[in-house]
């Protein structure tokens, strides 16, 4: 199942419309990401407008994506057109490590 996750900020309307148009069955808004992850089941996809909607730091984003994968689900980022599934997982982690190193 595809779930959407939006964060209340300046582009909330854009996020919500995009996730609805993409066909997300349910969209979580302003909920703690841990609560959302607890609802995910193997094979589910959590769809976000952009990866940075998952967390405020790269380290937190890595932890969040790890938790999503531990639930058996993946993340699809609409803006980056990136799926965190097995084929792309290693690339995603390499990119996050490069960005984390640049943040220091």
PDB file of N, CA and C in Angstrom:
ATOM      1  N   UNK A   1       0.838  -1.163   0.000  1.00  0.00           N
ATOM      2  CA  UNK A   1       0.000   0.000   0.000  1.00  0.00           C
ATOM      3  C   UNK A   1       0.892   1.239   0.000  1.00  0.00           C
ATOM      4  N   UNK A   2       0.425   2.290  -0.628  1.00  0.00           N
ATOM      5  CA  UNK A   2       1.151   3.555  -0.667  1.00  0.00           C
ATOM      6  C   UNK A   2       0.527   4.530   0.326  1.00  0.00           C
ATOM      7  N   UNK A   3       1.364   5.009   1.225  1.00  0.00           N
ATOM      8  CA  UNK A   3       0.957   6.028   2.179  1.00  0.00           C
ATOM      9  C   UNK A   3       1.733   7.299   1.879  1.00  0.00           C
ATOM     10  N   UNK A   4       1.106   8.419   2.113  1.00  0.00           N
ATOM     11  CA  UNK A   4       1.778   9.696   1.951  1.00  0.00           C
ATOM     12  C   UNK A   4       2.128  10.287   3.299  1.00  0.00           C
ATOM     13  N   UNK A   5       3.169  11.111   3.316  1.00  0.00           N
ATOM     14  CA  UNK A   5       3.574  11.794   4.538  1.00  0.00           C
ATOM     15  C   UNK A   5       3.887  13.237   4.183  1.00  0.00           C
ATOM     16  N   UNK A   6       3.185  14.165   4.827  1.00  0.00           N
ATOM     17  CA  UNK A   6       3.421  15.590   4.590  1.00  0.00           C
ATOM     18  C   UNK A   6       3.790  16.278   5.891  1.00  0.00           C
ATOM     19  N   UNK A   7       4.517  17.361   5.727  1.00  0.00           N
ATOM     20  CA  UNK A   7       4.935  18.189   6.852  1.00  0.00           C
ATOM     21  C   UNK A   7       4.303  19.556   6.666  1.00  0.00           C
ATOM     22  N   UNK A   8       3.718  20.076   7.725  1.00  0.00           N
ATOM     23  CA  UNK A   8       3.088  21.396   7.646  1.00  0.00           C
ATOM     24  C   UNK A   8       4.170  22.471   7.560  1.00  0.00           C
ATOM     25  N   UNK A   9       4.335  22.991   6.352  1.00  0.00           N
ATOM     26  CA  UNK A   9       5.248  24.093   6.128  1.00  0.00           C
ATOM     27  C   UNK A   9       4.728  24.894   4.941  1.00  0.00           C
ATOM     28  N   UNK A  10       5.575  25.712   4.344  1.00  0.00           N
ATOM     29  CA  UNK A  10       5.123  26.623   3.291  1.00  0.00           C
ATOM     30  C   UNK A  10       4.553  25.932   2.062  1.00  0.00           C
ATOM     31  N   UNK A  11       4.948  24.684   1.803  1.00  0.00           N
ATOM     32  CA  UNK A  11       4.455  24.020   0.599  1.00  0.00           C
ATOM     33  C   UNK A  11       3.506  22.862   0.913  1.00  0.00           C
ATOM     34  N   UNK A  12       2.779  22.958   2.019  1.00  0.00           N
ATOM     35  CA  UNK A  12       1.849  21.903   2.417  1.00  0.00           C
ATOM     36  C   UNK A  12       0.837  21.594   1.310  1.00  0.00           C
ATOM     37  N   UNK A  13       0.286  22.613   0.686  1.00  0.00           N
ATOM     38  CA  UNK A  13      -0.698  22.406  -0.371  1.00  0.00           C
ATOM     39  C   UNK A  13      -0.110  21.651  -1.555  1.00  0.00           C
ATOM     40  N   UNK A  14       1.101  21.997  -1.922  1.00  0.00           N
ATOM     41  CA  UNK A  14       1.780  21.319  -3.032  1.00  0.00           C
ATOM     42  C   UNK A  14       2.021  19.855  -2.682  1.00  0.00           C
ATOM     43  N   UNK A  15       2.509  19.610  -1.456  1.00  0.00           N
ATOM     44  CA  UNK A  15       2.772  18.237  -1.015  1.00  0.00           C
ATOM     45  C   UNK A  15       1.499  17.393  -1.071  1.00  0.00           C
ATOM     46  N   UNK A  16       0.438  17.925  -0.481  1.00  0.00           N
ATOM     47  CA  UNK A  16      -0.814  17.185  -0.378  1.00  0.00           C
ATOM     48  C   UNK A  16      -1.395  16.883  -1.757  1.00  0.00           C
ATOM     49  N   UNK A  17      -1.414  17.872  -2.627  1.00  0.00           N
ATOM     50  CA  UNK A  17      -1.945  17.663  -3.974  1.00  0.00           C
ATOM     51  C   UNK A  17      -1.127  16.606  -4.714  1.00  0.00           C
ATOM     52  N   UNK A  18       0.184  16.708  -4.637  1.00  0.00           N
ATOM     53  CA  UNK A  18       1.047  15.756  -5.344  1.00  0.00           C
ATOM     54  C   UNK A  18       0.817  14.332  -4.849  1.00  0.00           C
ATOM     55  N   UNK A  19       0.704  14.161  -3.539  1.00  0.00           N
ATOM     56  CA  UNK A  19       0.496  12.817  -2.984  1.00  0.00           C
ATOM     57  C   UNK A  19      -0.888  12.279  -3.340  1.00  0.00           C
ATOM     58  N   UNK A  20      -1.890  13.137  -3.330  1.00  0.00           N
ATOM     59  CA  UNK A  20      -3.231  12.714  -3.765  1.00  0.00           C
ATOM     60  C   UNK A  20      -3.219  12.307  -5.234  1.00  0.00           C
ATOM     61  N   UNK A  21      -2.589  13.139  -6.073  1.00  0.00           N
ATOM     62  CA  UNK A  21      -2.510  12.843  -7.504  1.00  0.00           C
ATOM     63  C   UNK A  21      -1.724  11.554  -7.755  1.00  0.00           C
ATOM     64  N   UNK A  22      -0.746  11.268  -6.915  1.00  0.00           N
ATOM     65  CA  UNK A  22       0.074  10.069  -7.072  1.00  0.00           C
ATOM     66  C   UNK A  22      -0.698   8.800  -6.696  1.00  0.00           C
ATOM     67  N   UNK A  23      -1.769   8.982  -5.932  1.00  0.00           N
ATOM     68  CA  UNK A  23      -2.618   7.842  -5.587  1.00  0.00           C
ATOM     69  C   UNK A  23      -2.391   7.279  -4.196  1.00  0.00           C
ATOM     70  N   UNK A  24      -1.831   8.084  -3.314  1.00  0.00           N
ATOM     71  CA  UNK A  24      -1.649   7.614  -1.938  1.00  0.00           C
ATOM     72  C   UNK A  24      -3.017   7.368  -1.315  1.00  0.00           C
ATOM     73  N   UNK A  25      -3.153   6.224  -0.709  1.00  0.00           N
ATOM     74  CA  UNK A  25      -4.441   5.826  -0.138  1.00  0.00           C
ATOM     75  C   UNK A  25      -4.755   6.603   1.135  1.00  0.00           C
ATOM     76  N   UNK A  26      -3.716   6.891   1.891  1.00  0.00           N
ATOM     77  CA  UNK A  26      -3.874   7.660   3.133  1.00  0.00           C
ATOM     78  C   UNK A  26      -2.676   8.586   3.252  1.00  0.00           C
ATOM     79  N   UNK A  27      -2.929   9.814   3.689  1.00  0.00           N
ATOM     80  CA  UNK A  27      -1.849  10.784   3.850  1.00  0.00           C
ATOM     81  C   UNK A  27      -1.783  11.188   5.310  1.00  0.00           C
ATOM     82  N   UNK A  28      -0.605  11.021   5.884  1.00  0.00           N
ATOM     83  CA  UNK A  28      -0.371  11.406   7.273  1.00  0.00           C
ATOM     84  C   UNK A  28       0.160  12.827   7.291  1.00  0.00           C
ATOM     85  N   UNK A  29      -0.460  13.670   8.094  1.00  0.00           N
ATOM     86  CA  UNK A  29      -0.067  15.066   8.188  1.00  0.00           C
ATOM     87  C   UNK A  29       0.217  15.425   9.638  1.00  0.00           C
ATOM     88  N   UNK A  30       1.362  16.016   9.844  1.00  0.00           N
ATOM     89  CA  UNK A  30       1.741  16.497  11.179  1.00  0.00           C
ATOM     90  C   UNK A  30       1.747  15.408  12.244  1.00  0.00           C
ATOM     91  N   UNK A  31       2.056  14.194  11.862  1.00  0.00           N
ATOM     92  CA  UNK A  31       2.191  13.123  12.835  1.00  0.00           C
ATOM     93  C   UNK A  31       3.669  12.828  13.020  1.00  0.00           C
ATOM     94  N   UNK A  32       4.019  12.374  14.187  1.00  0.00           N
ATOM     95  CA  UNK A  32       5.382  11.955  14.437  1.00  0.00           C
ATOM     96  C   UNK A  32       5.710  10.831  13.465  1.00  0.00           C
ATOM     97  N   UNK A  33       6.845  10.938  12.800  1.00  0.00           N
ATOM     98  CA  UNK A  33       7.216   9.942  11.799  1.00  0.00           C
ATOM     99  C   UNK A  33       7.294   8.546  12.405  1.00  0.00           C
ATOM    100  N   UNK A  34       7.638   8.444  13.685  1.00  0.00           N
ATOM    101  CA  UNK A  34       7.706   7.130  14.336  1.00  0.00           C
ATOM    102  C   UNK A  34       6.328   6.471  14.391  1.00  0.00           C
ATOM    103  N   UNK A  35       5.292   7.270  14.606  1.00  0.00           N
ATOM    104  CA  UNK A  35       3.927   6.732  14.600  1.00  0.00           C
ATOM    105  C   UNK A  35       3.537   6.244  13.216  1.00  0.00           C
ATOM    106  N   UNK A  36       3.949   6.986  12.205  1.00  0.00           N
ATOM    107  CA  UNK A  36       3.656   6.594  10.828  1.00  0.00           C
ATOM    108  C   UNK A  36       4.371   5.284  10.508  1.00  0.00           C
ATOM    109  N   UNK A  37       5.640   5.197  10.859  1.00  0.00           N
ATOM    110  CA  UNK A  37       6.428   3.995  10.581  1.00  0.00           C
ATOM    111  C   UNK A  37       5.817   2.783  11.274  1.00  0.00           C
ATOM    112  N   UNK A  38       5.270   2.976  12.466  1.00  0.00           N
ATOM    113  CA  UNK A  38       4.683   1.842  13.199  1.00  0.00           C
ATOM    114  C   UNK A  38       3.489   1.235  12.461  1.00  0.00           C
ATOM    115  N   UNK A  39       2.903   1.968  11.529  1.00  0.00           N
ATOM    116  CA  UNK A  39       1.755   1.465  10.756  1.00  0.00           C
ATOM    117  C   UNK A  39       2.169   0.764   9.468  1.00  0.00           C
ATOM    118  N   UNK A  40       3.436   0.921   9.083  1.00  0.00           N
ATOM    119  CA  UNK A  40       3.893   0.329   7.824  1.00  0.00           C
ATOM    120  C   UNK A  40       4.061  -1.170   7.952  1.00  0.00           C
ATOM    121  N   UNK A  41       3.777  -1.852   6.849  1.00  0.00           N
ATOM    122  CA  UNK A  41       3.911  -3.304   6.782  1.00  0.00           C
ATOM    123  C   UNK A  41       4.832  -3.653   5.613  1.00  0.00           C
ATOM    124  N   UNK A  42       5.375  -4.865   5.614  1.00  0.00           N
ATOM    125  CA  UNK A  42       6.226  -5.276   4.493  1.00  0.00           C
ATOM    126  C   UNK A  42       5.527  -5.057   3.150  1.00  0.00           C
ATOM    127  N   UNK A  43       6.257  -4.462   2.234  1.00  0.00           N
ATOM    128  CA  UNK A  43       5.722  -4.179   0.901  1.00  0.00           C
ATOM    129  C   UNK A  43       5.112  -2.801   0.749  1.00  0.00           C
ATOM    130  N   UNK A  44       4.886  -2.088   1.856  1.00  0.00           N
ATOM    131  CA  UNK A  44       4.323  -0.740   1.791  1.00  0.00           C
ATOM    132  C   UNK A  44       5.368   0.242   1.271  1.00  0.00           C
ATOM    133  N   UNK A  45       4.879   1.366   0.780  1.00  0.00           N
ATOM    134  CA  UNK A  45       5.735   2.469   0.357  1.00  0.00           C
ATOM    135  C   UNK A  45       5.256   3.741   1.041  1.00  0.00           C
ATOM    136  N   UNK A  46       6.187   4.457   1.635  1.00  0.00           N
ATOM    137  CA  UNK A  46       5.888   5.765   2.205  1.00  0.00           C
ATOM    138  C   UNK A  46       6.340   6.805   1.186  1.00  0.00           C
ATOM    139  N   UNK A  47       5.397   7.574   0.674  1.00  0.00           N
ATOM    140  CA  UNK A  47       5.669   8.556  -0.374  1.00  0.00           C
ATOM    141  C   UNK A  47       5.785   9.933   0.263  1.00  0.00           C
ATOM    142  N   UNK A  48       6.865  10.637  -0.096  1.00  0.00           N
ATOM    143  CA  UNK A  48       7.076  12.004   0.373  1.00  0.00           C
ATOM    144  C   UNK A  48       7.328  12.905  -0.828  1.00  0.00           C
ATOM    145  N   UNK A  49       7.036  14.180  -0.645  1.00  0.00           N
ATOM    146  CA  UNK A  49       7.275  15.151  -1.713  1.00  0.00           C
ATOM    147  C   UNK A  49       8.776  15.287  -1.955  1.00  0.00           C
ATOM    148  N   UNK A  50       9.546  15.430  -0.871  1.00  0.00           N
ATOM    149  CA  UNK A  50      11.012  15.498  -0.940  1.00  0.00           C
ATOM    150  C   UNK A  50      11.576  14.740   0.252  1.00  0.00           C
ATOM    151  N   UNK A  51      12.769  14.186   0.101  1.00  0.00           N
ATOM    152  CA  UNK A  51      13.386  13.421   1.187  1.00  0.00           C
ATOM    153  C   UNK A  51      13.566  14.245   2.449  1.00  0.00           C
ATOM    154  N   UNK A  52      13.819  15.544   2.310  1.00  0.00           N
ATOM    155  CA  UNK A  52      14.043  16.361   3.504  1.00  0.00           C
ATOM    156  C   UNK A  52      12.793  16.518   4.365  1.00  0.00           C
ATOM    157  N   UNK A  53      11.642  16.042   3.884  1.00  0.00           N
ATOM    158  CA  UNK A  53      10.423  16.070   4.696  1.00  0.00           C
ATOM    159  C   UNK A  53      10.454  14.994   5.777  1.00  0.00           C
ATOM    160  N   UNK A  54      11.366  14.032   5.653  1.00  0.00           N
ATOM    161  CA  UNK A  54      11.454  12.944   6.632  1.00  0.00           C
ATOM    162  C   UNK A  54      12.172  13.355   7.912  1.00  0.00           C
ATOM    163  N   UNK A  55      13.089  14.324   7.819  1.00  0.00           N
ATOM    164  CA  UNK A  55      13.893  14.692   8.990  1.00  0.00           C
ATOM    165  C   UNK A  55      14.609  16.010   8.736  1.00  0.00           C
ATOM    166  N   UNK A  56      15.107  16.600   9.818  1.00  0.00           N
ATOM    167  CA  UNK A  56      15.805  17.883   9.715  1.00  0.00           C
ATOM    168  C   UNK A  56      17.304  17.754   9.495  1.00  0.00           C
ATOM    169  N   UNK A  57      17.858  16.583   9.774  1.00  0.00           N
ATOM    170  CA  UNK A  57      19.294  16.368   9.577  1.00  0.00           C
ATOM    171  C   UNK A  57      19.504  15.075   8.799  1.00  0.00           C
ATOM    172  N   UNK A  58      20.673  14.957   8.207  1.00  0.00           N
ATOM    173  CA  UNK A  58      20.993  13.744   7.467  1.00  0.00           C
ATOM    174  C   UNK A  58      21.026  12.546   8.405  1.00  0.00           C
ATOM    175  N   UNK A  59      21.596  12.711   9.587  1.00  0.00           N
ATOM    176  CA  UNK A  59      21.657  11.597  10.543  1.00  0.00           C
ATOM    177  C   UNK A  59      20.253  11.117  10.913  1.00  0.00           C
ATOM    178  N   UNK A  60      19.349  12.047  11.159  1.00  0.00           N
ATOM    179  CA  UNK A  60      17.965  11.686  11.475  1.00  0.00           C
ATOM    180  C   UNK A  60      17.279  11.034  10.279  1.00  0.00           C
ATOM    181  N   UNK A  61      17.590  11.522   9.081  1.00  0.00           N
ATOM    182  CA  UNK A  61      17.009  10.942   7.877  1.00  0.00           C
ATOM    183  C   UNK A  61      17.473   9.494   7.712  1.00  0.00           C
ATOM    184  N   UNK A  62      18.747   9.247   7.956  1.00  0.00           N
ATOM    185  CA  UNK A  62      19.269   7.881   7.865  1.00  0.00           C
ATOM    186  C   UNK A  62      18.565   6.970   8.866  1.00  0.00           C
ATOM    187  N   UNK A  63      18.373   7.450  10.080  1.00  0.00           N
ATOM    188  CA  UNK A  63      17.685   6.655  11.105  1.00  0.00           C
ATOM    189  C   UNK A  63      16.236   6.381  10.691  1.00  0.00           C
ATOM    190  N   UNK A  64      15.594   7.382  10.140  1.00  0.00           N
ATOM    191  CA  UNK A  64      14.198   7.238   9.711  1.00  0.00           C
ATOM    192  C   UNK A  64      14.084   6.230   8.573  1.00  0.00           C
ATOM    193  N   UNK A  65      14.957   6.334   7.598  1.00  0.00           N
ATOM    194  CA  UNK A  65      14.917   5.397   6.470  1.00  0.00           C
ATOM    195  C   UNK A  65      15.256   3.991   6.944  1.00  0.00           C
ATOM    196  N   UNK A  66      16.200   3.867   7.867  1.00  0.00           N
ATOM    197  CA  UNK A  66      16.513   2.547   8.442  1.00  0.00           C
ATOM    198  C   UNK A  66      15.275   1.942   9.111  1.00  0.00           C
ATOM    199  N   UNK A  67      14.534   2.764   9.843  1.00  0.00           N
ATOM    200  CA  UNK A  67      13.334   2.281  10.534  1.00  0.00           C
ATOM    201  C   UNK A  67      12.253   1.867   9.531  1.00  0.00           C
ATOM    202  N   UNK A  68      12.132   2.617   8.447  1.00  0.00           N
ATOM    203  CA  UNK A  68      11.160   2.274   7.401  1.00  0.00           C
ATOM    204  C   UNK A  68      11.543   0.940   6.767  1.00  0.00           C
ATOM    205  N   UNK A  69      12.834   0.768   6.483  1.00  0.00           N
ATOM    206  CA  UNK A  69      13.301  -0.502   5.912  1.00  0.00           C
ATOM    207  C   UNK A  69      13.112  -1.650   6.904  1.00  0.00           C
ATOM    208  N   UNK A  70      13.337  -1.392   8.185  1.00  0.00           N
ATOM    209  CA  UNK A  70      13.151  -2.434   9.201  1.00  0.00           C
ATOM    210  C   UNK A  70      11.692  -2.899   9.248  1.00  0.00           C
ATOM    211  N   UNK A  71      10.773  -2.006   8.902  1.00  0.00           N
ATOM    212  CA  UNK A  71       9.351  -2.366   8.851  1.00  0.00           C
ATOM    213  C   UNK A  71       9.014  -3.140   7.578  1.00  0.00           C
ATOM    214  N   UNK A  72       9.994  -3.256   6.668  1.00  0.00           N
ATOM    215  CA  UNK A  72       9.769  -3.967   5.413  1.00  0.00           C
ATOM    216  C   UNK A  72       9.234  -3.077   4.307  1.00  0.00           C
ATOM    217  N   UNK A  73       9.260  -1.772   4.537  1.00  0.00           N
ATOM    218  CA  UNK A  73       8.718  -0.814   3.575  1.00  0.00           C
ATOM    219  C   UNK A  73       9.854  -0.043   2.891  1.00  0.00           C
ATOM    220  N   UNK A  74       9.493   0.769   1.925  1.00  0.00           N
ATOM    221  CA  UNK A  74      10.451   1.631   1.238  1.00  0.00           C
ATOM    222  C   UNK A  74       9.920   3.062   1.224  1.00  0.00           C
ATOM    223  N   UNK A  75      10.797   3.970   0.804  1.00  0.00           N
ATOM    224  CA  UNK A  75      10.429   5.386   0.668  1.00  0.00           C
ATOM    225  C   UNK A  75      10.501   5.740  -0.814  1.00  0.00           C
ATOM    226  N   UNK A  76       9.497   6.468  -1.287  1.00  0.00           N
ATOM    227  CA  UNK A  76       9.535   7.027  -2.634  1.00  0.00           C
ATOM    228  C   UNK A  76       9.492   8.535  -2.484  1.00  0.00           C
ATOM    229  N   UNK A  77      10.508   9.202  -3.014  1.00  0.00           N
ATOM    230  CA  UNK A  77      10.560  10.656  -3.008  1.00  0.00           C
ATOM    231  C   UNK A  77      10.150  11.160  -4.382  1.00  0.00           C
ATOM    232  N   UNK A  78       9.071  11.891  -4.431  1.00  0.00           N
ATOM    233  CA  UNK A  78       8.544  12.350  -5.707  1.00  0.00           C
ATOM    234  C   UNK A  78       9.463  13.356  -6.386  1.00  0.00           C
ATOM    235  N   UNK A  79       9.997  14.294  -5.633  1.00  0.00           N
ATOM    236  CA  UNK A  79      10.822  15.344  -6.210  1.00  0.00           C
ATOM    237  C   UNK A  79      12.143  14.797  -6.756  1.00  0.00           C
ATOM    238  N   UNK A  80      12.769  13.931  -5.988  1.00  0.00           N
ATOM    239  CA  UNK A  80      14.044  13.355  -6.420  1.00  0.00           C
ATOM    240  C   UNK A  80      13.851  12.132  -7.314  1.00  0.00           C
ATOM    241  N   UNK A  81      12.593  11.673  -7.431  1.00  0.00           N
ATOM    242  CA  UNK A  81      12.273  10.471  -8.211  1.00  0.00           C
ATOM    243  C   UNK A  81      13.179   9.313  -7.786  1.00  0.00           C
ATOM    244  N   UNK A  82      13.145   9.064  -6.485  1.00  0.00           N
ATOM    245  CA  UNK A  82      14.071   8.088  -5.904  1.00  0.00           C
ATOM    246  C   UNK A  82      13.332   7.140  -4.987  1.00  0.00           C
ATOM    247  N   UNK A  83      13.561   5.852  -5.191  1.00  0.00           N
ATOM    248  CA  UNK A  83      12.987   4.820  -4.339  1.00  0.00           C
ATOM    249  C   UNK A  83      14.111   4.217  -3.507  1.00  0.00           C
ATOM    250  N   UNK A  84      13.876   4.063  -2.225  1.00  0.00           N
ATOM    251  CA  UNK A  84      14.919   3.561  -1.321  1.00  0.00           C
ATOM    252  C   UNK A  84      15.000   2.038  -1.311  1.00  0.00           C
ATOM    253  N   UNK A  85      14.326   1.382  -2.248  1.00  0.00           N
ATOM    254  CA  UNK A  85      14.337  -0.078  -2.306  1.00  0.00           C
ATOM    255  C   UNK A  85      15.719  -0.648  -2.544  1.00  0.00           C
ATOM    256  N   UNK A  86      15.804  -1.945  -2.519  1.00  0.00           N
ATOM    257  CA  UNK A  86      17.073  -2.664  -2.559  1.00  0.00           C
ATOM    258  C   UNK A  86      18.011  -2.197  -3.667  1.00  0.00           C
ATOM    259  N   UNK A  87      17.485  -1.966  -4.861  1.00  0.00           N
ATOM    260  CA  UNK A  87      18.338  -1.595  -5.985  1.00  0.00           C
ATOM    261  C   UNK A  87      18.997  -0.230  -5.780  1.00  0.00           C
ATOM    262  N   UNK A  88      18.365   0.660  -5.061  1.00  0.00           N
ATOM    263  CA  UNK A  88      18.871   2.025  -4.887  1.00  0.00           C
ATOM    264  C   UNK A  88      19.375   2.305  -3.476  1.00  0.00           C
ATOM    265  N   UNK A  89      19.193   1.384  -2.581  1.00  0.00           N
ATOM    266  CA  UNK A  89      19.504   1.613  -1.168  1.00  0.00           C
ATOM    267  C   UNK A  89      20.966   2.024  -0.950  1.00  0.00           C
ATOM    268  N   UNK A  90      21.882   1.309  -1.565  1.00  0.00           N
ATOM    269  CA  UNK A  90      23.301   1.612  -1.383  1.00  0.00           C
ATOM    270  C   UNK A  90      23.639   3.007  -1.894  1.00  0.00           C
ATOM    271  N   UNK A  91      23.100   3.376  -3.051  1.00  0.00           N
ATOM    272  CA  UNK A  91      23.335   4.705  -3.602  1.00  0.00           C
ATOM    273  C   UNK A  91      22.793   5.785  -2.669  1.00  0.00           C
ATOM    274  N   UNK A  92      21.610   5.567  -2.129  1.00  0.00           N
ATOM    275  CA  UNK A  92      21.011   6.533  -1.212  1.00  0.00           C
ATOM    276  C   UNK A  92      21.914   6.761  -0.005  1.00  0.00           C
ATOM    277  N   UNK A  93      22.416   5.682   0.582  1.00  0.00           N
ATOM    278  CA  UNK A  93      23.275   5.823   1.754  1.00  0.00           C
ATOM    279  C   UNK A  93      24.595   6.510   1.409  1.00  0.00           C
ATOM    280  N   UNK A  94      25.135   6.256   0.240  1.00  0.00           N
ATOM    281  CA  UNK A  94      26.360   6.939  -0.176  1.00  0.00           C
ATOM    282  C   UNK A  94      26.107   8.441  -0.308  1.00  0.00           C
ATOM    283  N   UNK A  95      24.982   8.796  -0.936  1.00  0.00           N
ATOM    284  CA  UNK A  95      24.638  10.207  -1.080  1.00  0.00           C
ATOM    285  C   UNK A  95      24.458  10.886   0.282  1.00  0.00           C
ATOM    286  N   UNK A  96      23.764  10.217   1.187  1.00  0.00           N
ATOM    287  CA  UNK A  96      23.543  10.803   2.512  1.00  0.00           C
ATOM    288  C   UNK A  96      24.866  10.968   3.258  1.00  0.00           C
ATOM    289  N   UNK A  97      25.794  10.026   3.104  1.00  0.00           N
ATOM    290  CA  UNK A  97      27.099  10.138   3.757  1.00  0.00           C
ATOM    291  C   UNK A  97      27.899  11.300   3.206  1.00  0.00           C
ATOM    292  N   UNK A  98      27.820  11.529   1.895  1.00  0.00           N
ATOM    293  CA  UNK A  98      28.512  12.663   1.280  1.00  0.00           C
ATOM    294  C   UNK A  98      27.933  13.971   1.804  1.00  0.00           C
ATOM    295  N   UNK A  99      26.612  14.047   1.866  1.00  0.00           N
ATOM    296  CA  UNK A  99      25.963  15.265   2.353  1.00  0.00           C
ATOM    297  C   UNK A  99      26.279  15.483   3.829  1.00  0.00           C
ATOM    298  N   UNK A 100      26.273  14.425   4.625  1.00  0.00           N
ATOM    299  CA  UNK A 100      26.594  14.543   6.051  1.00  0.00           C
ATOM    300  C   UNK A 100      28.011  15.052   6.227  1.00  0.00           C
ATOM    301  N   UNK A 101      28.936  14.568   5.427  1.00  0.00           N
ATOM    302  CA  UNK A 101      30.323  15.033   5.519  1.00  0.00           C
ATOM    303  C   UNK A 101      30.429  16.508   5.148  1.00  0.00           C
ATOM    304  N   UNK A 102      29.649  16.948   4.179  1.00  0.00           N
ATOM    305  CA  UNK A 102      29.655  18.356   3.771  1.00  0.00           C
ATOM    306  C   UNK A 102      29.034  19.249   4.821  1.00  0.00           C
ATOM    307  N   UNK A 103      28.114  18.711   5.641  1.00  0.00           N
ATOM    308  CA  UNK A 103      27.463  19.507   6.690  1.00  0.00           C
ATOM    309  C   UNK A 103      28.403  19.820   7.843  1.00  0.00           C
ATOM    310  N   UNK A 104      29.452  19.038   7.999  1.00  0.00           N
ATOM    311  CA  UNK A 104      30.362  19.217   9.143  1.00  0.00           C
ATOM    312  C   UNK A 104      31.275  20.387   8.972  1.00  0.00           C
TER     313      UNK A 104
END
